[in-house]
């Protein structure tokens, strides 16, 4: 996967169900990592794939189908270099 694409999916869940939803999401093969967060969303997960279509399919057909997922927002990484105050990553 030389030209891999990384996406971050922000997920809202039903109250009190976040830990159960996260466990189910982490069982999805395309999800490389995930964590519970504070703020407007409950969970953030990372998906790495070789196509945007594959990422969107994973979100629509797997993540959104999990019981107690109420909303998702998908952020697709760009091909531009990552920036860090210490230099490029």
C-alpha atoms as a PDB file:
ATOM      1  CA  UNK A   1       0.000   0.000   0.000  1.00  0.00           C
ATOM      2  CA  UNK A   2       2.478   2.639  -1.171  1.00  0.00           C
ATOM      3  CA  UNK A   3      -0.213   5.232  -1.811  1.00  0.00           C
ATOM      4  CA  UNK A   4      -2.244   4.657   1.322  1.00  0.00           C
ATOM      5  CA  UNK A   5      -4.908   7.130   2.358  1.00  0.00           C
ATOM      6  CA  UNK A   6      -5.677   7.853   5.981  1.00  0.00           C
ATOM      7  CA  UNK A   7      -9.089   8.939   7.210  1.00  0.00           C
ATOM      8  CA  UNK A   8     -10.316   9.892  10.646  1.00  0.00           C
ATOM      9  CA  UNK A   9     -13.926   9.151  11.500  1.00  0.00           C
ATOM     10  CA  UNK A  10     -15.639  11.137  14.256  1.00  0.00           C
ATOM     11  CA  UNK A  11     -18.489   9.159  15.782  1.00  0.00           C
ATOM     12  CA  UNK A  12     -21.400  10.008  18.073  1.00  0.00           C
ATOM     13  CA  UNK A  13     -23.125   7.265  20.056  1.00  0.00           C
ATOM     14  CA  UNK A  14     -26.166   6.842  22.241  1.00  0.00           C
ATOM     15  CA  UNK A  15     -25.510   7.933  25.826  1.00  0.00           C
ATOM     16  CA  UNK A  16     -23.801   5.211  27.854  1.00  0.00           C
ATOM     17  CA  UNK A  17     -22.986   3.037  24.823  1.00  0.00           C
ATOM     18  CA  UNK A  18     -19.629   4.470  23.750  1.00  0.00           C
ATOM     19  CA  UNK A  19     -17.438   1.695  25.158  1.00  0.00           C
ATOM     20  CA  UNK A  20     -19.566  -1.039  23.552  1.00  0.00           C
ATOM     21  CA  UNK A  21     -19.583   0.748  20.190  1.00  0.00           C
ATOM     22  CA  UNK A  22     -15.809   1.246  20.293  1.00  0.00           C
ATOM     23  CA  UNK A  23     -15.243  -2.466  20.945  1.00  0.00           C
ATOM     24  CA  UNK A  24     -17.369  -3.343  17.892  1.00  0.00           C
ATOM     25  CA  UNK A  25     -15.612  -0.768  15.706  1.00  0.00           C
ATOM     26  CA  UNK A  26     -12.164  -2.041  16.659  1.00  0.00           C
ATOM     27  CA  UNK A  27     -13.192  -5.466  15.296  1.00  0.00           C
ATOM     28  CA  UNK A  28     -13.504  -3.978  11.787  1.00  0.00           C
ATOM     29  CA  UNK A  29     -10.363  -4.997   9.834  1.00  0.00           C
ATOM     30  CA  UNK A  30      -9.892  -1.625   8.076  1.00  0.00           C
ATOM     31  CA  UNK A  31      -9.906   0.289  11.381  1.00  0.00           C
ATOM     32  CA  UNK A  32      -6.284   0.678  12.473  1.00  0.00           C
ATOM     33  CA  UNK A  33      -6.960   2.397  15.806  1.00  0.00           C
ATOM     34  CA  UNK A  34      -9.606   4.189  17.800  1.00  0.00           C
ATOM     35  CA  UNK A  35     -10.220   5.940  21.078  1.00  0.00           C
ATOM     36  CA  UNK A  36     -12.962   7.546  23.135  1.00  0.00           C
ATOM     37  CA  UNK A  37     -12.732  11.353  23.214  1.00  0.00           C
ATOM     38  CA  UNK A  38     -14.381  14.311  24.910  1.00  0.00           C
ATOM     39  CA  UNK A  39     -16.222  17.088  23.101  1.00  0.00           C
ATOM     40  CA  UNK A  40     -18.848  16.998  20.370  1.00  0.00           C
ATOM     41  CA  UNK A  41     -18.022  13.417  19.363  1.00  0.00           C
ATOM     42  CA  UNK A  42     -17.576  10.285  21.453  1.00  0.00           C
ATOM     43  CA  UNK A  43     -15.100   8.237  19.399  1.00  0.00           C
ATOM     44  CA  UNK A  44     -12.374   8.922  16.835  1.00  0.00           C
ATOM     45  CA  UNK A  45     -11.072   6.090  14.664  1.00  0.00           C
ATOM     46  CA  UNK A  46      -8.389   5.883  12.011  1.00  0.00           C
ATOM     47  CA  UNK A  47      -8.889   3.979   8.767  1.00  0.00           C
ATOM     48  CA  UNK A  48      -6.015   3.351   6.356  1.00  0.00           C
ATOM     49  CA  UNK A  49      -6.778   2.119   2.850  1.00  0.00           C
ATOM     50  CA  UNK A  50      -5.642   2.401  -0.741  1.00  0.00           C
ATOM     51  CA  UNK A  51      -8.831   4.142  -1.919  1.00  0.00           C
ATOM     52  CA  UNK A  52     -11.308   6.754  -0.767  1.00  0.00           C
ATOM     53  CA  UNK A  53     -14.151   4.541  -2.006  1.00  0.00           C
ATOM     54  CA  UNK A  54     -12.995   1.743   0.295  1.00  0.00           C
ATOM     55  CA  UNK A  55     -12.903   4.131   3.261  1.00  0.00           C
ATOM     56  CA  UNK A  56     -16.379   5.480   2.525  1.00  0.00           C
ATOM     57  CA  UNK A  57     -17.697   1.948   2.085  1.00  0.00           C
ATOM     58  CA  UNK A  58     -16.242   0.914   5.451  1.00  0.00           C
ATOM     59  CA  UNK A  59     -17.940   3.868   7.129  1.00  0.00           C
ATOM     60  CA  UNK A  60     -21.316   3.387   5.413  1.00  0.00           C
ATOM     61  CA  UNK A  61     -21.536  -0.402   5.418  1.00  0.00           C
ATOM     62  CA  UNK A  62     -19.770  -1.257   8.665  1.00  0.00           C
ATOM     63  CA  UNK A  63     -19.410   1.620  11.134  1.00  0.00           C
ATOM     64  CA  UNK A  64     -22.821   3.215  10.540  1.00  0.00           C
ATOM     65  CA  UNK A  65     -24.510  -0.179  10.803  1.00  0.00           C
ATOM     66  CA  UNK A  66     -23.351  -0.681  14.394  1.00  0.00           C
ATOM     67  CA  UNK A  67     -26.179  -0.350  16.861  1.00  0.00           C
ATOM     68  CA  UNK A  68     -26.039   2.880  18.909  1.00  0.00           C
ATOM     69  CA  UNK A  69     -23.961   4.823  16.342  1.00  0.00           C
ATOM     70  CA  UNK A  70     -25.990   8.000  15.823  1.00  0.00           C
ATOM     71  CA  UNK A  71     -23.741  10.144  13.616  1.00  0.00           C
ATOM     72  CA  UNK A  72     -20.420  10.039  11.777  1.00  0.00           C
ATOM     73  CA  UNK A  73     -18.171  12.611  10.149  1.00  0.00           C
ATOM     74  CA  UNK A  74     -15.352  11.394   7.911  1.00  0.00           C
ATOM     75  CA  UNK A  75     -12.175  13.422   7.424  1.00  0.00           C
ATOM     76  CA  UNK A  76     -10.016  12.219   4.510  1.00  0.00           C
ATOM     77  CA  UNK A  77      -6.287  12.974   4.694  1.00  0.00           C
ATOM     78  CA  UNK A  78      -4.724  14.796   1.757  1.00  0.00           C
ATOM     79  CA  UNK A  79      -1.689  13.857  -0.294  1.00  0.00           C
ATOM     80  CA  UNK A  80       0.120  16.953   0.991  1.00  0.00           C
ATOM     81  CA  UNK A  81       2.969  16.317   3.440  1.00  0.00           C
ATOM     82  CA  UNK A  82       2.114  16.297   7.121  1.00  0.00           C
ATOM     83  CA  UNK A  83       3.412  19.235   9.124  1.00  0.00           C
ATOM     84  CA  UNK A  84       4.932  19.286  12.561  1.00  0.00           C
ATOM     85  CA  UNK A  85       6.598  22.221  14.353  1.00  0.00           C
ATOM     86  CA  UNK A  86       9.712  20.014  14.447  1.00  0.00           C
ATOM     87  CA  UNK A  87       9.626  19.399  10.711  1.00  0.00           C
ATOM     88  CA  UNK A  88       7.805  17.079   8.341  1.00  0.00           C
ATOM     89  CA  UNK A  89       6.673  13.751   9.754  1.00  0.00           C
END
